[in-house]
C-alpha atoms as a PDB file:
ATOM      1  CA  UNK A   1      25.067   6.668 -26.522  1.00  0.00           C
ATOM      2  CA  UNK A   2      25.094   3.574 -24.338  1.00  0.00           C
ATOM      3  CA  UNK A   3      21.669   1.965 -24.416  1.00  0.00           C
ATOM      4  CA  UNK A   4      20.348  -1.041 -22.526  1.00  0.00           C
ATOM      5  CA  UNK A   5      17.436  -3.040 -23.973  1.00  0.00           C
ATOM      6  CA  UNK A   6      15.261  -5.269 -21.796  1.00  0.00           C
ATOM      7  CA  UNK A   7      12.904  -7.427 -23.862  1.00  0.00           C
ATOM      8  CA  UNK A   8      10.065  -9.498 -22.396  1.00  0.00           C
ATOM      9  CA  UNK A   9      10.169 -12.746 -24.377  1.00  0.00           C
ATOM     10  CA  UNK A  10       6.734 -13.663 -22.989  1.00  0.00           C
ATOM     11  CA  UNK A  11       5.158 -10.475 -24.341  1.00  0.00           C
ATOM     12  CA  UNK A  12       2.867 -10.698 -27.374  1.00  0.00           C
ATOM     13  CA  UNK A  13       4.772 -10.642 -30.644  1.00  0.00           C
ATOM     14  CA  UNK A  14       8.027 -11.717 -29.000  1.00  0.00           C
ATOM     15  CA  UNK A  15       6.527 -15.137 -28.208  1.00  0.00           C
ATOM     16  CA  UNK A  16       6.833 -16.075 -31.880  1.00  0.00           C
ATOM     17  CA  UNK A  17       9.998 -14.113 -32.669  1.00  0.00           C
ATOM     18  CA  UNK A  18      13.540 -15.465 -32.964  1.00  0.00           C
ATOM     19  CA  UNK A  19      14.903 -13.278 -30.187  1.00  0.00           C
ATOM     20  CA  UNK A  20      18.559 -13.910 -30.984  1.00  0.00           C
ATOM     21  CA  UNK A  21      18.025 -12.675 -34.534  1.00  0.00           C
ATOM     22  CA  UNK A  22      16.003  -9.749 -33.255  1.00  0.00           C
ATOM     23  CA  UNK A  23      18.706  -8.633 -30.832  1.00  0.00           C
ATOM     24  CA  UNK A  24      21.361  -8.943 -33.540  1.00  0.00           C
ATOM     25  CA  UNK A  25      19.239  -6.791 -35.855  1.00  0.00           C
ATOM     26  CA  UNK A  26      18.657  -4.221 -33.106  1.00  0.00           C
ATOM     27  CA  UNK A  27      22.368  -4.058 -32.282  1.00  0.00           C
ATOM     28  CA  UNK A  28      23.246  -3.428 -35.935  1.00  0.00           C
ATOM     29  CA  UNK A  29      20.558  -0.752 -36.302  1.00  0.00           C
ATOM     30  CA  UNK A  30      21.835   1.191 -33.303  1.00  0.00           C
ATOM     31  CA  UNK A  31      25.498   0.686 -34.201  1.00  0.00           C
ATOM     32  CA  UNK A  32      24.793   2.217 -37.621  1.00  0.00           C
ATOM     33  CA  UNK A  33      23.829   5.427 -35.795  1.00  0.00           C
ATOM     34  CA  UNK A  34      26.862   5.338 -33.502  1.00  0.00           C
ATOM     35  CA  UNK A  35      25.184   3.782 -30.446  1.00  0.00           C
ATOM     36  CA  UNK A  36      26.258   0.889 -28.223  1.00  0.00           C
ATOM     37  CA  UNK A  37      23.245  -1.345 -27.565  1.00  0.00           C
ATOM     38  CA  UNK A  38      23.309  -4.162 -25.023  1.00  0.00           C
ATOM     39  CA  UNK A  39      20.278  -6.438 -25.312  1.00  0.00           C
ATOM     40  CA  UNK A  40      18.830  -8.634 -22.539  1.00  0.00           C
ATOM     41  CA  UNK A  41      15.977 -11.060 -23.250  1.00  0.00           C
ATOM     42  CA  UNK A  42      14.172 -12.095 -20.060  1.00  0.00           C
ATOM     43  CA  UNK A  43      11.056 -13.940 -18.961  1.00  0.00           C
ATOM     44  CA  UNK A  44       7.994 -12.006 -17.906  1.00  0.00           C
ATOM     45  CA  UNK A  45       8.578 -12.591 -14.204  1.00  0.00           C
ATOM     46  CA  UNK A  46      12.134 -11.245 -14.544  1.00  0.00           C
ATOM     47  CA  UNK A  47      11.265  -7.984 -16.298  1.00  0.00           C
ATOM     48  CA  UNK A  48      10.978  -5.717 -13.261  1.00  0.00           C
ATOM     49  CA  UNK A  49      14.274  -6.860 -11.774  1.00  0.00           C
ATOM     50  CA  UNK A  50      16.055  -6.536 -15.134  1.00  0.00           C
ATOM     51  CA  UNK A  51      14.683  -3.034 -15.759  1.00  0.00           C
ATOM     52  CA  UNK A  52      15.581  -1.831 -12.266  1.00  0.00           C
ATOM     53  CA  UNK A  53      19.105  -3.213 -12.592  1.00  0.00           C
ATOM     54  CA  UNK A  54      19.580  -1.625 -16.009  1.00  0.00           C
ATOM     55  CA  UNK A  55      18.288   1.770 -14.853  1.00  0.00           C
ATOM     56  CA  UNK A  56      20.972   1.908 -12.162  1.00  0.00           C
ATOM     57  CA  UNK A  57      23.920   1.527 -14.545  1.00  0.00           C
ATOM     58  CA  UNK A  58      26.039   4.621 -14.034  1.00  0.00           C
ATOM     59  CA  UNK A  59      26.938   5.173 -17.694  1.00  0.00           C
ATOM     60  CA  UNK A  60      23.488   4.491 -19.144  1.00  0.00           C
ATOM     61  CA  UNK A  61      22.204   7.056 -21.649  1.00  0.00           C
ATOM     62  CA  UNK A  62      18.829   5.462 -22.444  1.00  0.00           C
ATOM     63  CA  UNK A  63      16.705   2.444 -21.531  1.00  0.00           C
ATOM     64  CA  UNK A  64      14.880   0.417 -24.182  1.00  0.00           C
ATOM     65  CA  UNK A  65      11.901  -1.741 -23.175  1.00  0.00           C
ATOM     66  CA  UNK A  66      10.079  -4.255 -25.322  1.00  0.00           C
ATOM     67  CA  UNK A  67       6.817  -6.001 -24.504  1.00  0.00           C
ATOM     68  CA  UNK A  68       3.138  -5.389 -23.947  1.00  0.00           C
ATOM     69  CA  UNK A  69       1.422  -2.475 -22.233  1.00  0.00           C
ATOM     70  CA  UNK A  70       2.180  -3.853 -18.768  1.00  0.00           C
ATOM     71  CA  UNK A  71       5.895  -4.083 -19.497  1.00  0.00           C
ATOM     72  CA  UNK A  72       5.964  -0.609 -21.011  1.00  0.00           C
ATOM     73  CA  UNK A  73       4.071   0.900 -18.072  1.00  0.00           C
ATOM     74  CA  UNK A  74       6.504  -0.695 -15.628  1.00  0.00           C
ATOM     75  CA  UNK A  75       9.484   0.483 -17.668  1.00  0.00           C
ATOM     76  CA  UNK A  76       8.103   4.030 -17.815  1.00  0.00           C
ATOM     77  CA  UNK A  77       7.808   4.200 -14.031  1.00  0.00           C
ATOM     78  CA  UNK A  78      11.337   2.888 -13.544  1.00  0.00           C
ATOM     79  CA  UNK A  79      12.806   5.212 -16.198  1.00  0.00           C
ATOM     80  CA  UNK A  80      10.945   8.179 -14.673  1.00  0.00           C
ATOM     81  CA  UNK A  81      12.252   7.506 -11.196  1.00  0.00           C
ATOM     82  CA  UNK A  82      15.796   7.032 -12.552  1.00  0.00           C
ATOM     83  CA  UNK A  83      15.639  10.091 -14.823  1.00  0.00           C
ATOM     84  CA  UNK A  84      16.627   7.967 -17.840  1.00  0.00           C
ATOM     85  CA  UNK A  85      15.131   8.393 -21.352  1.00  0.00           C
ATOM     86  CA  UNK A  86      12.899   5.488 -22.396  1.00  0.00           C
ATOM     87  CA  UNK A  87      12.561   3.896 -25.816  1.00  0.00           C
ATOM     88  CA  UNK A  88       9.567   1.649 -26.524  1.00  0.00           C
ATOM     89  CA  UNK A  89       9.391  -1.499 -28.653  1.00  0.00           C
ATOM     90  CA  UNK A  90       5.646  -2.266 -28.939  1.00  0.00           C
ATOM     91  CA  UNK A  91       5.285  -6.049 -28.806  1.00  0.00           C
ATOM     92  CA  UNK A  92       1.894  -6.289 -27.105  1.00  0.00           C
ATOM     93  CA  UNK A  93      -1.752  -6.567 -28.105  1.00  0.00           C
ATOM     94  CA  UNK A  94      -2.842  -2.928 -27.877  1.00  0.00           C
ATOM     95  CA  UNK A  95       0.413  -0.940 -27.557  1.00  0.00           C
ATOM     96  CA  UNK A  96      -1.471   2.110 -26.307  1.00  0.00           C
ATOM     97  CA  UNK A  97       1.409   4.304 -25.149  1.00  0.00           C
ATOM     98  CA  UNK A  98       3.316   3.551 -28.348  1.00  0.00           C
ATOM     99  CA  UNK A  99       0.279   4.737 -30.315  1.00  0.00           C
ATOM    100  CA  UNK A 100       0.207   7.959 -28.310  1.00  0.00           C
ATOM    101  CA  UNK A 101       3.888   8.507 -29.143  1.00  0.00           C
ATOM    102  CA  UNK A 102       3.125   7.770 -32.832  1.00  0.00           C
ATOM    103  CA  UNK A 103       5.677   4.978 -32.985  1.00  0.00           C
ATOM    104  CA  UNK A 104       5.558   2.232 -35.645  1.00  0.00           C
ATOM    105  CA  UNK A 105       3.770  -0.809 -34.242  1.00  0.00           C
ATOM    106  CA  UNK A 106       5.998  -3.183 -36.208  1.00  0.00           C
ATOM    107  CA  UNK A 107       8.759  -4.466 -33.885  1.00  0.00           C
ATOM    108  CA  UNK A 108      11.253  -4.520 -36.765  1.00  0.00           C
ATOM    109  CA  UNK A 109      10.461  -1.135 -38.291  1.00  0.00           C
ATOM    110  CA  UNK A 110      10.578   0.650 -34.939  1.00  0.00           C
ATOM    111  CA  UNK A 111      14.269  -0.214 -34.495  1.00  0.00           C
ATOM    112  CA  UNK A 112      15.502   2.188 -37.177  1.00  0.00           C
ATOM    113  CA  UNK A 113      13.328   4.968 -35.775  1.00  0.00           C
ATOM    114  CA  UNK A 114      14.546   4.470 -32.207  1.00  0.00           C
ATOM    115  CA  UNK A 115      18.174   4.311 -33.325  1.00  0.00           C
ATOM    116  CA  UNK A 116      17.778   7.762 -34.894  1.00  0.00           C
ATOM    117  CA  UNK A 117      15.290   9.174 -32.380  1.00  0.00           C
ATOM    118  CA  UNK A 118      15.254  12.359 -30.387  1.00  0.00           C
ATOM    119  CA  UNK A 119      14.492  12.731 -26.678  1.00  0.00           C
ATOM    120  CA  UNK A 120      11.365  14.664 -25.698  1.00  0.00           C
ATOM    121  CA  UNK A 121       9.629  15.348 -22.380  1.00  0.00           C
ATOM    122  CA  UNK A 122       6.131  13.949 -21.918  1.00  0.00           C
ATOM    123  CA  UNK A 123       3.725  13.504 -19.014  1.00  0.00           C
ATOM    124  CA  UNK A 124       3.375  10.611 -16.612  1.00  0.00           C
ATOM    125  CA  UNK A 125       0.699  10.155 -13.938  1.00  0.00           C
ATOM    126  CA  UNK A 126       0.529   8.466 -10.541  1.00  0.00           C
ATOM    127  CA  UNK A 127      -2.237   6.846  -8.502  1.00  0.00           C
ATOM    128  CA  UNK A 128      -1.287   6.974  -4.824  1.00  0.00           C
ATOM    129  CA  UNK A 129       2.297   7.364  -5.973  1.00  0.00           C
ATOM    130  CA  UNK A 130       2.216   4.424  -8.388  1.00  0.00           C
ATOM    131  CA  UNK A 131       3.199   5.548 -11.925  1.00  0.00           C
ATOM    132  CA  UNK A 132       1.059   4.914 -14.998  1.00  0.00           C
ATOM    133  CA  UNK A 133       1.138   6.107 -18.594  1.00  0.00           C
ATOM    134  CA  UNK A 134      -2.328   5.132 -19.817  1.00  0.00           C
ATOM    135  CA  UNK A 135      -5.234   5.111 -17.385  1.00  0.00           C
ATOM    136  CA  UNK A 136      -6.692   4.323 -13.998  1.00  0.00           C
ATOM    137  CA  UNK A 137     -10.207   2.906 -14.068  1.00  0.00           C
ATOM    138  CA  UNK A 138     -12.862   1.400 -11.823  1.00  0.00           C
ATOM    139  CA  UNK A 139     -16.263  -0.095 -12.521  1.00  0.00           C
ATOM    140  CA  UNK A 140     -17.025  -1.455 -15.985  1.00  0.00           C
ATOM    141  CA  UNK A 141     -13.415  -1.861 -17.078  1.00  0.00           C
ATOM    142  CA  UNK A 142     -12.257  -3.424 -13.813  1.00  0.00           C
ATOM    143  CA  UNK A 143     -15.078  -5.963 -13.859  1.00  0.00           C
ATOM    144  CA  UNK A 144     -14.327  -6.830 -17.487  1.00  0.00           C
ATOM    145  CA  UNK A 145     -10.625  -7.371 -16.750  1.00  0.00           C
ATOM    146  CA  UNK A 146     -11.471  -9.530 -13.731  1.00  0.00           C
ATOM    147  CA  UNK A 147     -13.794 -11.691 -15.835  1.00  0.00           C
ATOM    148  CA  UNK A 148     -11.244 -11.917 -18.654  1.00  0.00           C
ATOM    149  CA  UNK A 149      -8.484 -12.968 -16.268  1.00  0.00           C
ATOM    150  CA  UNK A 150     -10.614 -15.890 -15.110  1.00  0.00           C
ATOM    151  CA  UNK A 151     -10.558 -17.290 -18.645  1.00  0.00           C
ATOM    152  CA  UNK A 152      -7.760 -19.300 -20.241  1.00  0.00           C
ATOM    153  CA  UNK A 153      -5.935 -17.788 -23.211  1.00  0.00           C
ATOM    154  CA  UNK A 154      -2.397 -18.276 -24.464  1.00  0.00           C
ATOM    155  CA  UNK A 155      -2.259 -16.060 -27.536  1.00  0.00           C
ATOM    156  CA  UNK A 156      -3.034 -12.552 -28.713  1.00  0.00           C
ATOM    157  CA  UNK A 157      -6.153 -13.804 -30.508  1.00  0.00           C
ATOM    158  CA  UNK A 158      -7.188 -15.728 -27.414  1.00  0.00           C
ATOM    159  CA  UNK A 159      -6.860 -12.583 -25.307  1.00  0.00           C
ATOM    160  CA  UNK A 160      -9.038 -10.655 -27.748  1.00  0.00           C
ATOM    161  CA  UNK A 161     -11.675 -13.393 -27.651  1.00  0.00           C
ATOM    162  CA  UNK A 162     -11.584 -13.486 -23.850  1.00  0.00           C
ATOM    163  CA  UNK A 163     -11.936  -9.700 -23.708  1.00  0.00           C
ATOM    164  CA  UNK A 164     -14.932  -9.837 -26.039  1.00  0.00           C
ATOM    165  CA  UNK A 165     -16.594 -12.524 -23.952  1.00  0.00           C
ATOM    166  CA  UNK A 166     -15.937 -10.575 -20.751  1.00  0.00           C
ATOM    167  CA  UNK A 167     -17.370  -7.427 -22.317  1.00  0.00           C
ATOM    168  CA  UNK A 168     -20.643  -9.218 -23.031  1.00  0.00           C
ATOM    169  CA  UNK A 169     -20.689 -10.530 -19.458  1.00  0.00           C
ATOM    170  CA  UNK A 170     -20.303  -7.011 -18.062  1.00  0.00           C
ATOM    171  CA  UNK A 171     -22.975  -5.721 -20.403  1.00  0.00           C
ATOM    172  CA  UNK A 172     -25.499  -8.130 -18.869  1.00  0.00           C
ATOM    173  CA  UNK A 173     -24.570  -7.181 -15.287  1.00  0.00           C
ATOM    174  CA  UNK A 174     -23.133  -3.631 -15.161  1.00  0.00           C
ATOM    175  CA  UNK A 175     -21.723  -2.422 -11.822  1.00  0.00           C
ATOM    176  CA  UNK A 176     -23.084   0.487  -9.822  1.00  0.00           C
ATOM    177  CA  UNK A 177     -21.147   2.157  -7.003  1.00  0.00           C
ATOM    178  CA  UNK A 178     -20.762   5.453  -5.171  1.00  0.00           C
ATOM    179  CA  UNK A 179     -17.750   7.716  -5.639  1.00  0.00           C
ATOM    180  CA  UNK A 180     -16.850  11.029  -4.015  1.00  0.00           C
ATOM    181  CA  UNK A 181     -14.439  13.063  -6.083  1.00  0.00           C
ATOM    182  CA  UNK A 182     -12.569  16.322  -5.754  1.00  0.00           C
ATOM    183  CA  UNK A 183     -10.961  17.860  -8.838  1.00  0.00           C
ATOM    184  CA  UNK A 184      -7.878  20.064  -8.474  1.00  0.00           C
ATOM    185  CA  UNK A 185      -8.420  20.501  -4.742  1.00  0.00           C
ATOM    186  CA  UNK A 186     -10.917  23.318  -5.091  1.00  0.00           C
ATOM    187  CA  UNK A 187     -12.637  22.189  -1.898  1.00  0.00           C
ATOM    188  CA  UNK A 188     -15.923  21.334  -3.589  1.00  0.00           C
ATOM    189  CA  UNK A 189     -16.282  17.561  -3.589  1.00  0.00           C
ATOM    190  CA  UNK A 190     -19.097  15.841  -5.438  1.00  0.00           C
ATOM    191  CA  UNK A 191     -20.738  12.505  -4.703  1.00  0.00           C
ATOM    192  CA  UNK A 192     -22.616  10.486  -7.257  1.00  0.00           C
ATOM    193  CA  UNK A 193     -23.449   6.917  -8.270  1.00  0.00           C
ATOM    194  CA  UNK A 194     -21.603   5.678 -11.367  1.00  0.00           C
ATOM    195  CA  UNK A 195     -21.012   2.560 -13.419  1.00  0.00           C
ATOM    196  CA  UNK A 196     -17.512   3.562 -14.422  1.00  0.00           C
ATOM    197  CA  UNK A 197     -14.780   6.063 -13.763  1.00  0.00           C
ATOM    198  CA  UNK A 198     -11.599   6.525 -15.745  1.00  0.00           C
ATOM    199  CA  UNK A 199      -8.715   8.931 -15.250  1.00  0.00           C
ATOM    200  CA  UNK A 200      -6.199   8.986 -18.094  1.00  0.00           C
ATOM    201  CA  UNK A 201      -2.688  10.326 -18.541  1.00  0.00           C
ATOM    202  CA  UNK A 202      -3.788  13.187 -20.848  1.00  0.00           C
ATOM    203  CA  UNK A 203      -7.275  13.404 -22.373  1.00  0.00           C
ATOM    204  CA  UNK A 204      -8.243  10.446 -24.523  1.00  0.00           C
ATOM    205  CA  UNK A 205      -8.536  10.955 -28.254  1.00  0.00           C
ATOM    206  CA  UNK A 206     -11.471  10.194 -30.520  1.00  0.00           C
ATOM    207  CA  UNK A 207     -10.513   6.584 -31.158  1.00  0.00           C
ATOM    208  CA  UNK A 208     -11.894   3.165 -30.272  1.00  0.00           C
ATOM    209  CA  UNK A 209      -8.805   2.030 -28.346  1.00  0.00           C
ATOM    210  CA  UNK A 210      -8.847   4.657 -25.589  1.00  0.00           C
ATOM    211  CA  UNK A 211      -5.420   6.202 -26.082  1.00  0.00           C
ATOM    212  CA  UNK A 212      -4.380   9.846 -25.893  1.00  0.00           C
ATOM    213  CA  UNK A 213      -3.484  11.675 -29.098  1.00  0.00           C
ATOM    214  CA  UNK A 214      -0.928  13.715 -27.135  1.00  0.00           C
ATOM    215  CA  UNK A 215       0.907  13.076 -23.878  1.00  0.00           C
ATOM    216  CA  UNK A 216       2.279  16.547 -23.240  1.00  0.00           C
ATOM    217  CA  UNK A 217      -0.779  18.621 -22.324  1.00  0.00           C
ATOM    218  CA  UNK A 218      -0.104  18.525 -18.575  1.00  0.00           C
ATOM    219  CA  UNK A 219      -3.694  17.412 -17.920  1.00  0.00           C
ATOM    220  CA  UNK A 220      -5.503  14.300 -16.801  1.00  0.00           C
ATOM    221  CA  UNK A 221      -8.607  13.188 -18.642  1.00  0.00           C
ATOM    222  CA  UNK A 222     -11.470  12.502 -16.207  1.00  0.00           C
ATOM    223  CA  UNK A 223     -14.469  10.444 -17.365  1.00  0.00           C
ATOM    224  CA  UNK A 224     -17.537   9.353 -15.396  1.00  0.00           C
ATOM    225  CA  UNK A 225     -20.359   7.150 -16.661  1.00  0.00           C
ATOM    226  CA  UNK A 226     -23.653   7.385 -14.797  1.00  0.00           C
ATOM    227  CA  UNK A 227     -25.353   4.167 -13.610  1.00  0.00           C
ATOM    228  CA  UNK A 228     -26.195   2.086 -16.674  1.00  0.00           C
ATOM    229  CA  UNK A 229     -28.644  -0.648 -17.538  1.00  0.00           C
ATOM    230  CA  UNK A 230     -27.604  -3.355 -20.031  1.00  0.00           C
ATOM    231  CA  UNK A 231     -29.028  -1.363 -22.947  1.00  0.00           C
ATOM    232  CA  UNK A 232     -27.053   1.679 -21.843  1.00  0.00           C
ATOM    233  CA  UNK A 233     -23.841  -0.335 -21.688  1.00  0.00           C
ATOM    234  CA  UNK A 234     -24.554  -1.595 -25.190  1.00  0.00           C
ATOM    235  CA  UNK A 235     -24.987   1.940 -26.477  1.00  0.00           C
ATOM    236  CA  UNK A 236     -21.792   3.050 -24.736  1.00  0.00           C
ATOM    237  CA  UNK A 237     -19.924   0.109 -26.270  1.00  0.00           C
ATOM    238  CA  UNK A 238     -21.211   1.113 -29.706  1.00  0.00           C
ATOM    239  CA  UNK A 239     -20.050   4.697 -29.191  1.00  0.00           C
ATOM    240  CA  UNK A 240     -16.639   3.439 -28.026  1.00  0.00           C
ATOM    241  CA  UNK A 241     -16.266   1.372 -31.189  1.00  0.00           C
ATOM    242  CA  UNK A 242     -17.119   4.491 -33.227  1.00  0.00           C
ATOM    243  CA  UNK A 243     -14.570   6.562 -31.287  1.00  0.00           C
ATOM    244  CA  UNK A 244     -17.424   8.747 -30.021  1.00  0.00           C
ATOM    245  CA  UNK A 245     -17.634   7.705 -26.378  1.00  0.00           C
ATOM    246  CA  UNK A 246     -17.286  11.298 -25.124  1.00  0.00           C
ATOM    247  CA  UNK A 247     -20.504  12.123 -26.985  1.00  0.00           C
ATOM    248  CA  UNK A 248     -22.435   9.435 -25.115  1.00  0.00           C
ATOM    249  CA  UNK A 249     -25.215  10.982 -22.996  1.00  0.00           C
ATOM    250  CA  UNK A 250     -24.167   8.965 -19.931  1.00  0.00           C
ATOM    251  CA  UNK A 251     -20.557  10.176 -19.987  1.00  0.00           C
ATOM    252  CA  UNK A 252     -19.218  13.310 -18.295  1.00  0.00           C
ATOM    253  CA  UNK A 253     -15.751  14.389 -19.427  1.00  0.00           C
ATOM    254  CA  UNK A 254     -13.397  16.955 -17.902  1.00  0.00           C
ATOM    255  CA  UNK A 255      -9.695  17.624 -17.342  1.00  0.00           C
ATOM    256  CA  UNK A 256      -7.650  18.160 -14.197  1.00  0.00           C
ATOM    257  CA  UNK A 257      -4.148  18.187 -12.780  1.00  0.00           C
ATOM    258  CA  UNK A 258      -5.153  16.269  -9.655  1.00  0.00           C
ATOM    259  CA  UNK A 259      -8.138  14.105  -8.760  1.00  0.00           C
ATOM    260  CA  UNK A 260      -9.022  12.730  -5.341  1.00  0.00           C
ATOM    261  CA  UNK A 261     -11.425   9.776  -5.259  1.00  0.00           C
ATOM    262  CA  UNK A 262     -13.162   8.196  -2.287  1.00  0.00           C
ATOM    263  CA  UNK A 263     -15.137   4.967  -2.533  1.00  0.00           C
ATOM    264  CA  UNK A 264     -17.349   5.144   0.588  1.00  0.00           C
ATOM    265  CA  UNK A 265     -18.679   1.587   0.381  1.00  0.00           C
ATOM    266  CA  UNK A 266     -15.316  -0.069  -0.277  1.00  0.00           C
ATOM    267  CA  UNK A 267     -13.587   0.073   3.098  1.00  0.00           C
ATOM    268  CA  UNK A 268     -11.311  -2.828   2.151  1.00  0.00           C
ATOM    269  CA  UNK A 269     -10.414  -1.158  -1.123  1.00  0.00           C
ATOM    270  CA  UNK A 270     -11.856  -0.936  -4.600  1.00  0.00           C
ATOM    271  CA  UNK A 271     -11.080  -3.192  -7.548  1.00  0.00           C
ATOM    272  CA  UNK A 272      -9.301  -0.977 -10.081  1.00  0.00           C
ATOM    273  CA  UNK A 273      -7.253  -1.312 -13.232  1.00  0.00           C
ATOM    274  CA  UNK A 274      -3.984   0.557 -13.653  1.00  0.00           C
ATOM    275  CA  UNK A 275      -2.512   0.303 -17.137  1.00  0.00           C
ATOM    276  CA  UNK A 276      -4.182  -3.057 -17.659  1.00  0.00           C
ATOM    277  CA  UNK A 277      -3.260  -4.531 -14.260  1.00  0.00           C
ATOM    278  CA  UNK A 278      -6.131  -5.479 -11.980  1.00  0.00           C
ATOM    279  CA  UNK A 279      -5.430  -4.532  -8.373  1.00  0.00           C
ATOM    280  CA  UNK A 280      -7.173  -3.446  -5.203  1.00  0.00           C
ATOM    281  CA  UNK A 281      -6.644   0.193  -4.304  1.00  0.00           C
ATOM    282  CA  UNK A 282      -7.475   1.809  -0.946  1.00  0.00           C
ATOM    283  CA  UNK A 283     -10.825   3.515  -0.496  1.00  0.00           C
ATOM    284  CA  UNK A 284      -9.012   6.836  -1.037  1.00  0.00           C
ATOM    285  CA  UNK A 285      -7.059   7.361  -4.256  1.00  0.00           C
ATOM    286  CA  UNK A 286      -5.157  10.475  -5.286  1.00  0.00           C
ATOM    287  CA  UNK A 287      -4.242  10.773  -8.949  1.00  0.00           C
ATOM    288  CA  UNK A 288      -1.738  13.368 -10.178  1.00  0.00           C
ATOM    289  CA  UNK A 289      -0.219  14.404 -13.477  1.00  0.00           C
ATOM    290  CA  UNK A 290       3.534  14.983 -13.558  1.00  0.00           C
ATOM    291  CA  UNK A 291       3.904  17.286 -16.536  1.00  0.00           C
ATOM    292  CA  UNK A 292       6.970  16.831 -18.719  1.00  0.00           C
ATOM    293  CA  UNK A 293       8.759  14.566 -16.255  1.00  0.00           C
ATOM    294  CA  UNK A 294       9.151  11.448 -18.415  1.00  0.00           C
ATOM    295  CA  UNK A 295      11.781  11.451 -21.153  1.00  0.00           C
ATOM    296  CA  UNK A 296      11.014   9.271 -24.180  1.00  0.00           C
ATOM    297  CA  UNK A 297      12.537   8.506 -27.572  1.00  0.00           C
ATOM    298  CA  UNK A 298      10.412   9.554 -30.535  1.00  0.00           C
ATOM    299  CA  UNK A 299      10.910  10.167 -34.232  1.00  0.00           C
ATOM    300  CA  UNK A 300      13.164  13.006 -35.269  1.00  0.00           C
ATOM    301  CA  UNK A 301      11.006  15.976 -36.365  1.00  0.00           C
ATOM    302  CA  UNK A 302      10.804  16.376 -40.082  1.00  0.00           C
ATOM    303  CA  UNK A 303      12.688  19.424 -41.376  1.00  0.00           C
ATOM    304  CA  UNK A 304      10.582  21.569 -43.623  1.00  0.00           C
ATOM    305  CA  UNK A 305      12.397  22.927 -46.662  1.00  0.00           C
ATOM    306  CA  UNK A 306      11.356  25.894 -48.720  1.00  0.00           C
ATOM    307  CA  UNK A 307      10.376  25.191 -52.287  1.00  0.00           C
END
């Protein structure tokens, strides 16, 4: 197989990694399994262009992307549109999609797995046509990300500290907004006030990091949190830490294949987060699951032998 690797040298673990040594190690690991790996190390602002260029190579068999969740989300969208299998090197802070795919989170250990991986079909979602592999959210999460982005941090630890500080800020002043939603186009829309809404690529698992245990169910996870006071946000945060957020009395959880959202009081658009990126979406957002349309590299299944 001919494989192209695009590595974001500004992403998490790669900031403190000798990238020349890493690429040499990766090339040897893939060569040992009969693959031809070409490795490009680029700056963060060059990642999109590099991924798009790589995906258009006529003889490409697979695309490898290394970086944080933002890089991986971007790479997944590009690989999906190009119909090219995607391999993930998790070099970020959370590495949520890598966790869902049960990949090693060590950037060195994952090389041997990817070199001997198999291609499987998993789900990818879109919000108004924009691909994402983790989640779309508005309300609590969006406000926290906005507050975090206003702080200065230059390291993984600094980002964690900024996120913690932002979380406390949101807890003291939780948002409240109206949303009209229609699930699976059944014609029965519902309007209610909420403090948060999240729509995930597959239902979220019972963990504190908000990642899906599986990404091949063909369903979106839909989560609404009713308007919360500071004490309610604190209780929700505690349940999130315990991996029990779906049991919180303020949370309503369901699944869907398509969700239409309308934010009636946000004519200029609503502040939302899509796979960690803060952006302003239109007042109307349509979220869809695209079942089995993204090809990814995962560990070879273990062969069971009879005793």
